[in-house]
Amino acid sequence: MSYVSGFLVAVPTDRKEDYRKMAEEAAEMFRGYGATEIMEAWGEDVRDGELTDFRRAVQAKEGETVVFSWIVWPDRATADAAERKMQSDENMTPPADVPFDMKRMIFGGFAPIFEMGR
């Protein structure tokens, strides 16, 4: 069964195109490591919750947009192997001018319990 790496970041709204370009370049590398699907979703209807919400999760500030992303791998073994390879791949070093605050990034790995194909 597939395995999913999920990410949540706050991106300065005026850097949307910078983020998109960075994500497109990273996607090619993820594909090279075995990813089967990559999605970068720009927040359009991210509502404030009463207790918690996406914006609070990444401490999004005024003028920032929440981006929800995921990478689908064939299985966890492929995802784990990719992570090990990426840690030693100098091409995976974030650029000096990365278009978001990496300290506020949330990420994790998830095993699907239900899937319905596209």
PDB file of N, CA and C in Angstrom:
ATOM      1  N   MET A   1       0.848  -1.182   0.000  1.00  0.00           N
ATOM      2  CA  MET A   1       0.000   0.000   0.000  1.00  0.00           C
ATOM      3  C   MET A   1       0.891   1.242   0.000  1.00  0.00           C
ATOM      4  N   SER A   2       0.425   2.300  -0.597  1.00  0.00           N
ATOM      5  CA  SER A   2       1.203   3.526  -0.713  1.00  0.00           C
ATOM      6  C   SER A   2       1.476   4.149   0.660  1.00  0.00           C
ATOM      7  N   TYR A   3       2.365   5.132   0.650  1.00  0.00           N
ATOM      8  CA  TYR A   3       2.762   5.858   1.852  1.00  0.00           C
ATOM      9  C   TYR A   3       2.793   7.331   1.480  1.00  0.00           C
ATOM     10  N   VAL A   4       2.401   8.199   2.409  1.00  0.00           N
ATOM     11  CA  VAL A   4       2.267   9.625   2.101  1.00  0.00           C
ATOM     12  C   VAL A   4       3.126  10.457   3.048  1.00  0.00           C
ATOM     13  N   SER A   5       3.903  11.351   2.475  1.00  0.00           N
ATOM     14  CA  SER A   5       4.618  12.366   3.248  1.00  0.00           C
ATOM     15  C   SER A   5       3.801  13.647   3.125  1.00  0.00           C
ATOM     16  N   GLY A   6       3.401  14.215   4.251  1.00  0.00           N
ATOM     17  CA  GLY A   6       2.562  15.413   4.236  1.00  0.00           C
ATOM     18  C   GLY A   6       3.291  16.613   4.801  1.00  0.00           C
ATOM     19  N   PHE A   7       2.990  17.796   4.270  1.00  0.00           N
ATOM     20  CA  PHE A   7       3.666  19.027   4.657  1.00  0.00           C
ATOM     21  C   PHE A   7       2.667  20.178   4.755  1.00  0.00           C
ATOM     22  N   LEU A   8       2.946  21.076   5.657  1.00  0.00           N
ATOM     23  CA  LEU A   8       2.146  22.288   5.815  1.00  0.00           C
ATOM     24  C   LEU A   8       3.126  23.429   6.065  1.00  0.00           C
ATOM     25  N   VAL A   9       3.045  24.502   5.269  1.00  0.00           N
ATOM     26  CA  VAL A   9       3.933  25.657   5.430  1.00  0.00           C
ATOM     27  C   VAL A   9       3.148  26.950   5.238  1.00  0.00           C
ATOM     28  N   ALA A  10       3.697  28.027   5.777  1.00  0.00           N
ATOM     29  CA  ALA A  10       3.149  29.371   5.548  1.00  0.00           C
ATOM     30  C   ALA A  10       4.108  30.083   4.598  1.00  0.00           C
ATOM     31  N   VAL A  11       3.579  30.562   3.479  1.00  0.00           N
ATOM     32  CA  VAL A  11       4.395  31.195   2.447  1.00  0.00           C
ATOM     33  C   VAL A  11       3.949  32.647   2.282  1.00  0.00           C
ATOM     34  N   PRO A  12       4.894  33.587   2.243  1.00  0.00           N
ATOM     35  CA  PRO A  12       4.486  34.960   1.953  1.00  0.00           C
ATOM     36  C   PRO A  12       3.686  34.987   0.642  1.00  0.00           C
ATOM     37  N   THR A  13       2.512  35.550   0.708  1.00  0.00           N
ATOM     38  CA  THR A  13       1.603  35.536  -0.434  1.00  0.00           C
ATOM     39  C   THR A  13       2.242  36.112  -1.693  1.00  0.00           C
ATOM     40  N   ASP A  14       3.063  37.132  -1.527  1.00  0.00           N
ATOM     41  CA  ASP A  14       3.694  37.742  -2.698  1.00  0.00           C
ATOM     42  C   ASP A  14       4.850  36.905  -3.260  1.00  0.00           C
ATOM     43  N   ARG A  15       5.133  35.759  -2.642  1.00  0.00           N
ATOM     44  CA  ARG A  15       6.194  34.869  -3.136  1.00  0.00           C
ATOM     45  C   ARG A  15       5.624  33.574  -3.714  1.00  0.00           C
ATOM     46  N   LYS A  16       4.354  33.624  -4.077  1.00  0.00           N
ATOM     47  CA  LYS A  16       3.688  32.431  -4.610  1.00  0.00           C
ATOM     48  C   LYS A  16       4.449  31.835  -5.792  1.00  0.00           C
ATOM     49  N   GLU A  17       4.839  32.636  -6.740  1.00  0.00           N
ATOM     50  CA  GLU A  17       5.532  32.123  -7.924  1.00  0.00           C
ATOM     51  C   GLU A  17       6.907  31.567  -7.561  1.00  0.00           C
ATOM     52  N   ASP A  18       7.614  32.210  -6.629  1.00  0.00           N
ATOM     53  CA  ASP A  18       8.909  31.680  -6.161  1.00  0.00           C
ATOM     54  C   ASP A  18       8.711  30.295  -5.555  1.00  0.00           C
ATOM     55  N   TYR A  19       7.666  30.161  -4.742  1.00  0.00           N
ATOM     56  CA  TYR A  19       7.383  28.876  -4.104  1.00  0.00           C
ATOM     57  C   TYR A  19       7.036  27.832  -5.158  1.00  0.00           C
ATOM     58  N   ARG A  20       6.187  28.210  -6.116  1.00  0.00           N
ATOM     59  CA  ARG A  20       5.781  27.263  -7.154  1.00  0.00           C
ATOM     60  C   ARG A  20       6.990  26.753  -7.933  1.00  0.00           C
ATOM     61  N   LYS A  21       7.911  27.657  -8.281  1.00  0.00           N
ATOM     62  CA  LYS A  21       9.109  27.252  -9.021  1.00  0.00           C
ATOM     63  C   LYS A  21       9.971  26.308  -8.184  1.00  0.00           C
ATOM     64  N   MET A  22      10.151  26.635  -6.904  1.00  0.00           N
ATOM     65  CA  MET A  22      10.935  25.780  -6.021  1.00  0.00           C
ATOM     66  C   MET A  22      10.297  24.397  -5.909  1.00  0.00           C
ATOM     67  N   ALA A  23       8.973  24.370  -5.759  1.00  0.00           N
ATOM     68  CA  ALA A  23       8.254  23.105  -5.634  1.00  0.00           C
ATOM     69  C   ALA A  23       8.371  22.275  -6.909  1.00  0.00           C
ATOM     70  N   GLU A  24       8.311  22.924  -8.046  1.00  0.00           N
ATOM     71  CA  GLU A  24       8.424  22.220  -9.324  1.00  0.00           C
ATOM     72  C   GLU A  24       9.807  21.569  -9.458  1.00  0.00           C
ATOM     73  N   GLU A  25      10.849  22.294  -9.073  1.00  0.00           N
ATOM     74  CA  GLU A  25      12.204  21.738  -9.128  1.00  0.00           C
ATOM     75  C   GLU A  25      12.357  20.579  -8.146  1.00  0.00           C
ATOM     76  N   ALA A  26      11.840  20.745  -6.935  1.00  0.00           N
ATOM     77  CA  ALA A  26      11.933  19.686  -5.928  1.00  0.00           C
ATOM     78  C   ALA A  26      11.157  18.450  -6.373  1.00  0.00           C
ATOM     79  N   ALA A  27      10.025  18.653  -7.038  1.00  0.00           N
ATOM     80  CA  ALA A  27       9.196  17.530  -7.484  1.00  0.00           C
ATOM     81  C   ALA A  27       9.977  16.612  -8.418  1.00  0.00           C
ATOM     82  N   GLU A  28      10.780  17.196  -9.286  1.00  0.00           N
ATOM     83  CA  GLU A  28      11.585  16.374 -10.199  1.00  0.00           C
ATOM     84  C   GLU A  28      12.551  15.492  -9.409  1.00  0.00           C
ATOM     85  N   MET A  29      13.127  16.049  -8.351  1.00  0.00           N
ATOM     86  CA  MET A  29      14.038  15.253  -7.522  1.00  0.00           C
ATOM     87  C   MET A  29      13.277  14.156  -6.784  1.00  0.00           C
ATOM     88  N   PHE A  30      12.097  14.490  -6.248  1.00  0.00           N
ATOM     89  CA  PHE A  30      11.292  13.484  -5.549  1.00  0.00           C
ATOM     90  C   PHE A  30      10.921  12.342  -6.495  1.00  0.00           C
ATOM     91  N   ARG A  31      10.573  12.687  -7.732  1.00  0.00           N
ATOM     92  CA  ARG A  31      10.254  11.665  -8.723  1.00  0.00           C
ATOM     93  C   ARG A  31      11.448  10.749  -8.939  1.00  0.00           C
ATOM     94  N   GLY A  32      12.638  11.353  -8.987  1.00  0.00           N
ATOM     95  CA  GLY A  32      13.857  10.568  -9.155  1.00  0.00           C
ATOM     96  C   GLY A  32      14.107   9.609  -7.999  1.00  0.00           C
ATOM     97  N   TYR A  33      13.577   9.932  -6.845  1.00  0.00           N
ATOM     98  CA  TYR A  33      13.717   9.071  -5.670  1.00  0.00           C
ATOM     99  C   TYR A  33      12.572   8.073  -5.540  1.00  0.00           C
ATOM    100  N   GLY A  34      11.625   8.099  -6.476  1.00  0.00           N
ATOM    101  CA  GLY A  34      10.569   7.099  -6.486  1.00  0.00           C
ATOM    102  C   GLY A  34       9.168   7.579  -6.173  1.00  0.00           C
ATOM    103  N   ALA A  35       8.981   8.885  -5.938  1.00  0.00           N
ATOM    104  CA  ALA A  35       7.640   9.397  -5.671  1.00  0.00           C
ATOM    105  C   ALA A  35       6.738   9.162  -6.878  1.00  0.00           C
ATOM    106  N   THR A  36       5.487   8.830  -6.612  1.00  0.00           N
ATOM    107  CA  THR A  36       4.536   8.587  -7.701  1.00  0.00           C
ATOM    108  C   THR A  36       3.592   9.757  -7.929  1.00  0.00           C
ATOM    109  N   GLU A  37       3.447  10.618  -6.926  1.00  0.00           N
ATOM    110  CA  GLU A  37       2.550  11.772  -7.044  1.00  0.00           C
ATOM    111  C   GLU A  37       3.047  12.868  -6.101  1.00  0.00           C
ATOM    112  N   ILE A  38       3.005  14.090  -6.575  1.00  0.00           N
ATOM    113  CA  ILE A  38       3.372  15.250  -5.761  1.00  0.00           C
ATOM    114  C   ILE A  38       2.286  16.294  -5.937  1.00  0.00           C
ATOM    115  N   MET A  39       1.805  16.837  -4.832  1.00  0.00           N
ATOM    116  CA  MET A  39       0.764  17.858  -4.891  1.00  0.00           C
ATOM    117  C   MET A  39       1.181  19.037  -4.023  1.00  0.00           C
ATOM    118  N   GLU A  40       1.080  20.224  -4.580  1.00  0.00           N
ATOM    119  CA  GLU A  40       1.281  21.477  -3.852  1.00  0.00           C
ATOM    120  C   GLU A  40      -0.028  22.243  -3.969  1.00  0.00           C
ATOM    121  N   ALA A  41      -0.688  22.488  -2.855  1.00  0.00           N
ATOM    122  CA  ALA A  41      -2.004  23.119  -2.887  1.00  0.00           C
ATOM    123  C   ALA A  41      -1.957  24.458  -2.145  1.00  0.00           C
ATOM    124  N   TRP A  42      -2.205  25.543  -2.862  1.00  0.00           N
ATOM    125  CA  TRP A  42      -2.174  26.910  -2.346  1.00  0.00           C
ATOM    126  C   TRP A  42      -3.497  27.211  -1.645  1.00  0.00           C
ATOM    127  N   GLY A  43      -3.434  27.636  -0.402  1.00  0.00           N
ATOM    128  CA  GLY A  43      -4.639  27.883   0.379  1.00  0.00           C
ATOM    129  C   GLY A  43      -5.522  28.974  -0.206  1.00  0.00           C
ATOM    130  N   GLU A  44      -6.777  28.660  -0.438  1.00  0.00           N
ATOM    131  CA  GLU A  44      -7.746  29.640  -0.928  1.00  0.00           C
ATOM    132  C   GLU A  44      -8.897  29.830   0.044  1.00  0.00           C
ATOM    133  N   ASP A  45      -9.237  28.807   0.775  1.00  0.00           N
ATOM    134  CA  ASP A  45     -10.356  28.892   1.718  1.00  0.00           C
ATOM    135  C   ASP A  45      -9.911  28.244   3.032  1.00  0.00           C
ATOM    136  N   VAL A  46      -8.964  28.880   3.698  1.00  0.00           N
ATOM    137  CA  VAL A  46      -8.394  28.362   4.937  1.00  0.00           C
ATOM    138  C   VAL A  46      -8.998  29.179   6.076  1.00  0.00           C
ATOM    139  N   ARG A  47      -9.973  28.581   6.708  1.00  0.00           N
ATOM    140  CA  ARG A  47     -10.758  29.307   7.715  1.00  0.00           C
ATOM    141  C   ARG A  47     -10.135  29.221   9.101  1.00  0.00           C
ATOM    142  N   ASP A  48     -10.391  30.251   9.893  1.00  0.00           N
ATOM    143  CA  ASP A  48      -9.973  30.250  11.287  1.00  0.00           C
ATOM    144  C   ASP A  48     -10.893  29.319  12.070  1.00  0.00           C
ATOM    145  N   GLY A  49     -10.290  28.485  12.904  1.00  0.00           N
ATOM    146  CA  GLY A  49     -11.067  27.595  13.750  1.00  0.00           C
ATOM    147  C   GLY A  49     -11.250  28.192  15.131  1.00  0.00           C
ATOM    148  N   GLU A  50     -12.077  27.575  15.927  1.00  0.00           N
ATOM    149  CA  GLU A  50     -12.286  28.059  17.288  1.00  0.00           C
ATOM    150  C   GLU A  50     -11.155  27.628  18.212  1.00  0.00           C
ATOM    151  N   LEU A  51     -10.624  26.438  17.997  1.00  0.00           N
ATOM    152  CA  LEU A  51      -9.584  25.906  18.868  1.00  0.00           C
ATOM    153  C   LEU A  51      -8.233  25.817  18.167  1.00  0.00           C
ATOM    154  N   THR A  52      -8.257  25.286  16.947  1.00  0.00           N
ATOM    155  CA  THR A  52      -7.035  25.156  16.162  1.00  0.00           C
ATOM    156  C   THR A  52      -7.406  25.210  14.681  1.00  0.00           C
ATOM    157  N   ASP A  53      -6.418  25.427  13.850  1.00  0.00           N
ATOM    158  CA  ASP A  53      -6.653  25.490  12.409  1.00  0.00           C
ATOM    159  C   ASP A  53      -5.317  25.424  11.683  1.00  0.00           C
ATOM    160  N   PHE A  54      -5.372  25.391  10.362  1.00  0.00           N
ATOM    161  CA  PHE A  54      -4.152  25.315   9.559  1.00  0.00           C
ATOM    162  C   PHE A  54      -3.246  26.530   9.798  1.00  0.00           C
ATOM    163  N   ARG A  55      -3.819  27.713   9.853  1.00  0.00           N
ATOM    164  CA  ARG A  55      -3.006  28.933  10.029  1.00  0.00           C
ATOM    165  C   ARG A  55      -2.256  28.903  11.356  1.00  0.00           C
ATOM    166  N   ARG A  56      -2.932  28.532  12.420  1.00  0.00           N
ATOM    167  CA  ARG A  56      -2.267  28.462  13.732  1.00  0.00           C
ATOM    168  C   ARG A  56      -1.209  27.377  13.764  1.00  0.00           C
ATOM    169  N   ALA A  57      -1.462  26.295  13.062  1.00  0.00           N
ATOM    170  CA  ALA A  57      -0.527  25.171  13.078  1.00  0.00           C
ATOM    171  C   ALA A  57       0.865  25.580  12.600  1.00  0.00           C
ATOM    172  N   VAL A  58       0.917  26.506  11.644  1.00  0.00           N
ATOM    173  CA  VAL A  58       2.207  26.956  11.108  1.00  0.00           C
ATOM    174  C   VAL A  58       2.503  28.409  11.484  1.00  0.00           C
ATOM    175  N   GLN A  59       1.740  28.937  12.427  1.00  0.00           N
ATOM    176  CA  GLN A  59       1.905  30.319  12.894  1.00  0.00           C
ATOM    177  C   GLN A  59       1.933  31.300  11.719  1.00  0.00           C
ATOM    178  N   ALA A  60       0.983  31.110  10.790  1.00  0.00           N
ATOM    179  CA  ALA A  60       0.904  31.988   9.628  1.00  0.00           C
ATOM    180  C   ALA A  60       0.651  33.424  10.077  1.00  0.00           C
ATOM    181  N   LYS A  61       1.373  34.334   9.465  1.00  0.00           N
ATOM    182  CA  LYS A  61       1.271  35.752   9.789  1.00  0.00           C
ATOM    183  C   LYS A  61       0.443  36.466   8.725  1.00  0.00           C
ATOM    184  N   GLU A  62       0.101  37.694   9.018  1.00  0.00           N
ATOM    185  CA  GLU A  62      -0.591  38.533   8.034  1.00  0.00           C
ATOM    186  C   GLU A  62       0.259  38.565   6.763  1.00  0.00           C
ATOM    187  N   GLY A  63      -0.379  38.386   5.623  1.00  0.00           N
ATOM    188  CA  GLY A  63       0.350  38.413   4.355  1.00  0.00           C
ATOM    189  C   GLY A  63       0.961  37.076   3.971  1.00  0.00           C
ATOM    190  N   GLU A  64       0.616  36.007   4.698  1.00  0.00           N
ATOM    191  CA  GLU A  64       1.105  34.670   4.360  1.00  0.00           C
ATOM    192  C   GLU A  64      -0.076  33.772   4.001  1.00  0.00           C
ATOM    193  N   THR A  65       0.186  32.823   3.131  1.00  0.00           N
ATOM    194  CA  THR A  65      -0.808  31.850   2.706  1.00  0.00           C
ATOM    195  C   THR A  65      -0.345  30.462   3.118  1.00  0.00           C
ATOM    196  N   VAL A  66      -1.270  29.649   3.597  1.00  0.00           N
ATOM    197  CA  VAL A  66      -0.942  28.285   3.995  1.00  0.00           C
ATOM    198  C   VAL A  66      -0.921  27.393   2.751  1.00  0.00           C
ATOM    199  N   VAL A  67       0.131  26.579   2.651  1.00  0.00           N
ATOM    200  CA  VAL A  67       0.272  25.620   1.562  1.00  0.00           C
ATOM    201  C   VAL A  67       0.244  24.219   2.164  1.00  0.00           C
ATOM    202  N   PHE A  68      -0.590  23.379   1.590  1.00  0.00           N
ATOM    203  CA  PHE A  68      -0.759  21.991   2.017  1.00  0.00           C
ATOM    204  C   PHE A  68      -0.188  21.125   0.903  1.00  0.00           C
ATOM    205  N   SER A  69       0.782  20.287   1.240  1.00  0.00           N
ATOM    206  CA  SER A  69       1.477  19.502   0.214  1.00  0.00           C
ATOM    207  C   SER A  69       1.581  18.052   0.631  1.00  0.00           C
ATOM    208  N   TRP A  70       1.672  17.191  -0.357  1.00  0.00           N
ATOM    209  CA  TRP A  70       1.936  15.800  -0.043  1.00  0.00           C
ATOM    210  C   TRP A  70       2.663  15.128  -1.190  1.00  0.00           C
ATOM    211  N   ILE A  71       3.373  14.081  -0.811  1.00  0.00           N
ATOM    212  CA  ILE A  71       4.101  13.248  -1.768  1.00  0.00           C
ATOM    213  C   ILE A  71       3.630  11.821  -1.534  1.00  0.00           C
ATOM    214  N   VAL A  72       3.245  11.147  -2.608  1.00  0.00           N
ATOM    215  CA  VAL A  72       2.826   9.754  -2.504  1.00  0.00           C
ATOM    216  C   VAL A  72       3.979   8.878  -2.995  1.00  0.00           C
ATOM    217  N   TRP A  73       4.273   7.881  -2.185  1.00  0.00           N
ATOM    218  CA  TRP A  73       5.328   6.909  -2.486  1.00  0.00           C
ATOM    219  C   TRP A  73       4.671   5.541  -2.682  1.00  0.00           C
ATOM    220  N   PRO A  74       5.329   4.641  -3.389  1.00  0.00           N
ATOM    221  CA  PRO A  74       4.751   3.306  -3.572  1.00  0.00           C
ATOM    222  C   PRO A  74       4.551   2.572  -2.236  1.00  0.00           C
ATOM    223  N   ASP A  75       5.454   2.845  -1.269  1.00  0.00           N
ATOM    224  CA  ASP A  75       5.391   2.191   0.038  1.00  0.00           C
ATOM    225  C   ASP A  75       6.329   2.936   0.993  1.00  0.00           C
ATOM    226  N   ARG A  76       6.270   2.575   2.257  1.00  0.00           N
ATOM    227  CA  ARG A  76       7.105   3.261   3.250  1.00  0.00           C
ATOM    228  C   ARG A  76       8.593   3.001   3.009  1.00  0.00           C
ATOM    229  N   ALA A  77       8.944   1.809   2.582  1.00  0.00           N
ATOM    230  CA  ALA A  77      10.351   1.499   2.338  1.00  0.00           C
ATOM    231  C   ALA A  77      10.949   2.456   1.310  1.00  0.00           C
ATOM    232  N   THR A  78      10.194   2.759   0.255  1.00  0.00           N
ATOM    233  CA  THR A  78      10.671   3.695  -0.762  1.00  0.00           C
ATOM    234  C   THR A  78      10.807   5.095  -0.173  1.00  0.00           C
ATOM    235  N   ALA A  79       9.834   5.512   0.626  1.00  0.00           N
ATOM    236  CA  ALA A  79       9.894   6.830   1.261  1.00  0.00           C
ATOM    237  C   ALA A  79      11.085   6.928   2.201  1.00  0.00           C
ATOM    238  N   ASP A  80      11.310   5.903   3.009  1.00  0.00           N
ATOM    239  CA  ASP A  80      12.442   5.905   3.938  1.00  0.00           C
ATOM    240  C   ASP A  80      13.774   5.929   3.197  1.00  0.00           C
ATOM    241  N   ALA A  81      13.886   5.140   2.134  1.00  0.00           N
ATOM    242  CA  ALA A  81      15.115   5.125   1.335  1.00  0.00           C
ATOM    243  C   ALA A  81      15.351   6.489   0.692  1.00  0.00           C
ATOM    244  N   ALA A  82      14.286   7.107   0.202  1.00  0.00           N
ATOM    245  CA  ALA A  82      14.405   8.437  -0.408  1.00  0.00           C
ATOM    246  C   ALA A  82      14.885   9.452   0.621  1.00  0.00           C
ATOM    247  N   GLU A  83      14.345   9.391   1.829  1.00  0.00           N
ATOM    248  CA  GLU A  83      14.760  10.331   2.871  1.00  0.00           C
ATOM    249  C   GLU A  83      16.245  10.180   3.179  1.00  0.00           C
ATOM    250  N   ARG A  84      16.717   8.956   3.272  1.00  0.00           N
ATOM    251  CA  ARG A  84      18.146   8.726   3.528  1.00  0.00           C
ATOM    252  C   ARG A  84      19.001   9.298   2.399  1.00  0.00           C
ATOM    253  N   LYS A  85      18.593   9.065   1.157  1.00  0.00           N
ATOM    254  CA  LYS A  85      19.347   9.572   0.005  1.00  0.00           C
ATOM    255  C   LYS A  85      19.334  11.101  -0.030  1.00  0.00           C
ATOM    256  N   MET A  86      18.167  11.691   0.272  1.00  0.00           N
ATOM    257  CA  MET A  86      18.058  13.156   0.227  1.00  0.00           C
ATOM    258  C   MET A  86      18.958  13.832   1.256  1.00  0.00           C
ATOM    259  N   GLN A  87      19.154  13.183   2.393  1.00  0.00           N
ATOM    260  CA  GLN A  87      19.983  13.773   3.442  1.00  0.00           C
ATOM    261  C   GLN A  87      21.430  13.928   3.002  1.00  0.00           C
ATOM    262  N   SER A  88      21.878  13.112   2.049  1.00  0.00           N
ATOM    263  CA  SER A  88      23.257  13.215   1.574  1.00  0.00           C
ATOM    264  C   SER A  88      23.363  13.830   0.177  1.00  0.00           C
ATOM    265  N   ASP A  89      22.235  14.213  -0.414  1.00  0.00           N
ATOM    266  CA  ASP A  89      22.226  14.785  -1.762  1.00  0.00           C
ATOM    267  C   ASP A  89      22.347  16.301  -1.666  1.00  0.00           C
ATOM    268  N   GLU A  90      23.468  16.841  -2.147  1.00  0.00           N
ATOM    269  CA  GLU A  90      23.676  18.295  -2.054  1.00  0.00           C
ATOM    270  C   GLU A  90      22.675  19.086  -2.890  1.00  0.00           C
ATOM    271  N   ASN A  91      22.034  18.443  -3.881  1.00  0.00           N
ATOM    272  CA  ASN A  91      20.992  19.120  -4.654  1.00  0.00           C
ATOM    273  C   ASN A  91      19.739  19.375  -3.818  1.00  0.00           C
ATOM    274  N   MET A  92      19.604  18.663  -2.703  1.00  0.00           N
ATOM    275  CA  MET A  92      18.437  18.842  -1.829  1.00  0.00           C
ATOM    276  C   MET A  92      18.666  19.907  -0.761  1.00  0.00           C
ATOM    277  N   THR A  93      19.822  20.543  -0.768  1.00  0.00           N
ATOM    278  CA  THR A  93      20.085  21.619   0.179  1.00  0.00           C
ATOM    279  C   THR A  93      19.170  22.786  -0.178  1.00  0.00           C
ATOM    280  N   PRO A  94      18.388  23.262   0.788  1.00  0.00           N
ATOM    281  CA  PRO A  94      17.474  24.366   0.480  1.00  0.00           C
ATOM    282  C   PRO A  94      18.246  25.603   0.018  1.00  0.00           C
ATOM    283  N   PRO A  95      17.702  26.333  -0.936  1.00  0.00           N
ATOM    284  CA  PRO A  95      18.368  27.560  -1.380  1.00  0.00           C
ATOM    285  C   PRO A  95      18.420  28.575  -0.237  1.00  0.00           C
ATOM    286  N   ALA A  96      19.383  29.480  -0.304  1.00  0.00           N
ATOM    287  CA  ALA A  96      19.535  30.489   0.755  1.00  0.00           C
ATOM    288  C   ALA A  96      18.272  31.332   0.893  1.00  0.00           C
ATOM    289  N   ASP A  97      17.566  31.523  -0.214  1.00  0.00           N
ATOM    290  CA  ASP A  97      16.386  32.381  -0.212  1.00  0.00           C
ATOM    291  C   ASP A  97      15.113  31.544  -0.342  1.00  0.00           C
ATOM    292  N   VAL A  98      15.020  30.461   0.456  1.00  0.00           N
ATOM    293  CA  VAL A  98      13.837  29.606   0.394  1.00  0.00           C
ATOM    294  C   VAL A  98      12.600  30.468   0.693  1.00  0.00           C
ATOM    295  N   PRO A  99      11.515  30.311  -0.071  1.00  0.00           N
ATOM    296  CA  PRO A  99      10.369  31.229   0.059  1.00  0.00           C
ATOM    297  C   PRO A  99       9.396  30.915   1.199  1.00  0.00           C
ATOM    298  N   PHE A 100       9.880  30.357   2.291  1.00  0.00           N
ATOM    299  CA  PHE A 100       9.040  30.172   3.475  1.00  0.00           C
ATOM    300  C   PHE A 100       9.952  29.937   4.675  1.00  0.00           C
ATOM    301  N   ASP A 101       9.407  30.071   5.864  1.00  0.00           N
ATOM    302  CA  ASP A 101      10.154  29.877   7.096  1.00  0.00           C
ATOM    303  C   ASP A 101      10.149  28.394   7.447  1.00  0.00           C
ATOM    304  N   MET A 102      11.273  27.735   7.235  1.00  0.00           N
ATOM    305  CA  MET A 102      11.343  26.287   7.435  1.00  0.00           C
ATOM    306  C   MET A 102      11.138  25.882   8.896  1.00  0.00           C
ATOM    307  N   LYS A 103      11.357  26.796   9.830  1.00  0.00           N
ATOM    308  CA  LYS A 103      11.160  26.471  11.247  1.00  0.00           C
ATOM    309  C   LYS A 103       9.684  26.270  11.583  1.00  0.00           C
ATOM    310  N   ARG A 104       8.796  26.838  10.763  1.00  0.00           N
ATOM    311  CA  ARG A 104       7.357  26.699  11.018  1.00  0.00           C
ATOM    312  C   ARG A 104       6.718  25.626  10.156  1.00  0.00           C
ATOM    313  N   MET A 105       7.523  24.887   9.427  1.00  0.00           N
ATOM    314  CA  MET A 105       7.026  23.809   8.580  1.00  0.00           C
ATOM    315  C   MET A 105       6.627  22.612   9.448  1.00  0.00           C
ATOM    316  N   ILE A 106       5.507  21.995   9.108  1.00  0.00           N
ATOM    317  CA  ILE A 106       5.062  20.776   9.774  1.00  0.00           C
ATOM    318  C   ILE A 106       5.112  19.665   8.728  1.00  0.00           C
ATOM    319  N   PHE A 107       5.630  18.507   9.116  1.00  0.00           N
ATOM    320  CA  PHE A 107       5.664  17.394   8.171  1.00  0.00           C
ATOM    321  C   PHE A 107       5.586  16.078   8.917  1.00  0.00           C
ATOM    322  N   GLY A 108       5.177  15.060   8.195  1.00  0.00           N
ATOM    323  CA  GLY A 108       5.077  13.732   8.789  1.00  0.00           C
ATOM    324  C   GLY A 108       4.783  12.699   7.729  1.00  0.00           C
ATOM    325  N   GLY A 109       4.898  11.436   8.127  1.00  0.00           N
ATOM    326  CA  GLY A 109       4.612  10.327   7.232  1.00  0.00           C
ATOM    327  C   GLY A 109       3.336   9.628   7.649  1.00  0.00           C
ATOM    328  N   PHE A 110       2.566   9.212   6.672  1.00  0.00           N
ATOM    329  CA  PHE A 110       1.237   8.651   6.928  1.00  0.00           C
ATOM    330  C   PHE A 110       0.989   7.384   6.129  1.00  0.00           C
ATOM    331  N   ALA A 111       0.431   6.381   6.798  1.00  0.00           N
ATOM    332  CA  ALA A 111       0.034   5.139   6.139  1.00  0.00           C
ATOM    333  C   ALA A 111      -1.462   5.224   5.860  1.00  0.00           C
ATOM    334  N   PRO A 112      -1.855   5.222   4.600  1.00  0.00           N
ATOM    335  CA  PRO A 112      -3.281   5.299   4.278  1.00  0.00           C
ATOM    336  C   PRO A 112      -4.069   4.141   4.901  1.00  0.00           C
ATOM    337  N   ILE A 113      -5.258   4.462   5.386  1.00  0.00           N
ATOM    338  CA  ILE A 113      -6.155   3.426   5.884  1.00  0.00           C
ATOM    339  C   ILE A 113      -7.354   3.252   4.951  1.00  0.00           C
ATOM    340  N   PHE A 114      -7.468   4.168   3.991  1.00  0.00           N
ATOM    341  CA  PHE A 114      -8.489   4.071   2.964  1.00  0.00           C
ATOM    342  C   PHE A 114      -7.975   4.844   1.761  1.00  0.00           C
ATOM    343  N   GLU A 115      -8.134   4.278   0.568  1.00  0.00           N
ATOM    344  CA  GLU A 115      -7.737   4.959  -0.663  1.00  0.00           C
ATOM    345  C   GLU A 115      -8.826   4.791  -1.696  1.00  0.00           C
ATOM    346  N   MET A 116      -9.050   5.843  -2.458  1.00  0.00           N
ATOM    347  CA  MET A 116      -9.929   5.759  -3.619  1.00  0.00           C
ATOM    348  C   MET A 116      -9.180   6.471  -4.743  1.00  0.00           C
ATOM    349  N   GLY A 117      -8.918   5.800  -5.828  1.00  0.00           N
ATOM    350  CA  GLY A 117      -8.138   6.349  -6.924  1.00  0.00           C
ATOM    351  C   GLY A 117      -8.836   7.497  -7.640  1.00  0.00           C
ATOM    352  N   ARG A 118      -8.031   8.201  -8.398  1.00  0.00           N
ATOM    353  CA  ARG A 118      -8.578   9.307  -9.190  1.00  0.00           C
ATOM    354  C   ARG A 118      -9.391   8.769 -10.332  1.00  0.00           C
TER     355      ARG A 118
END
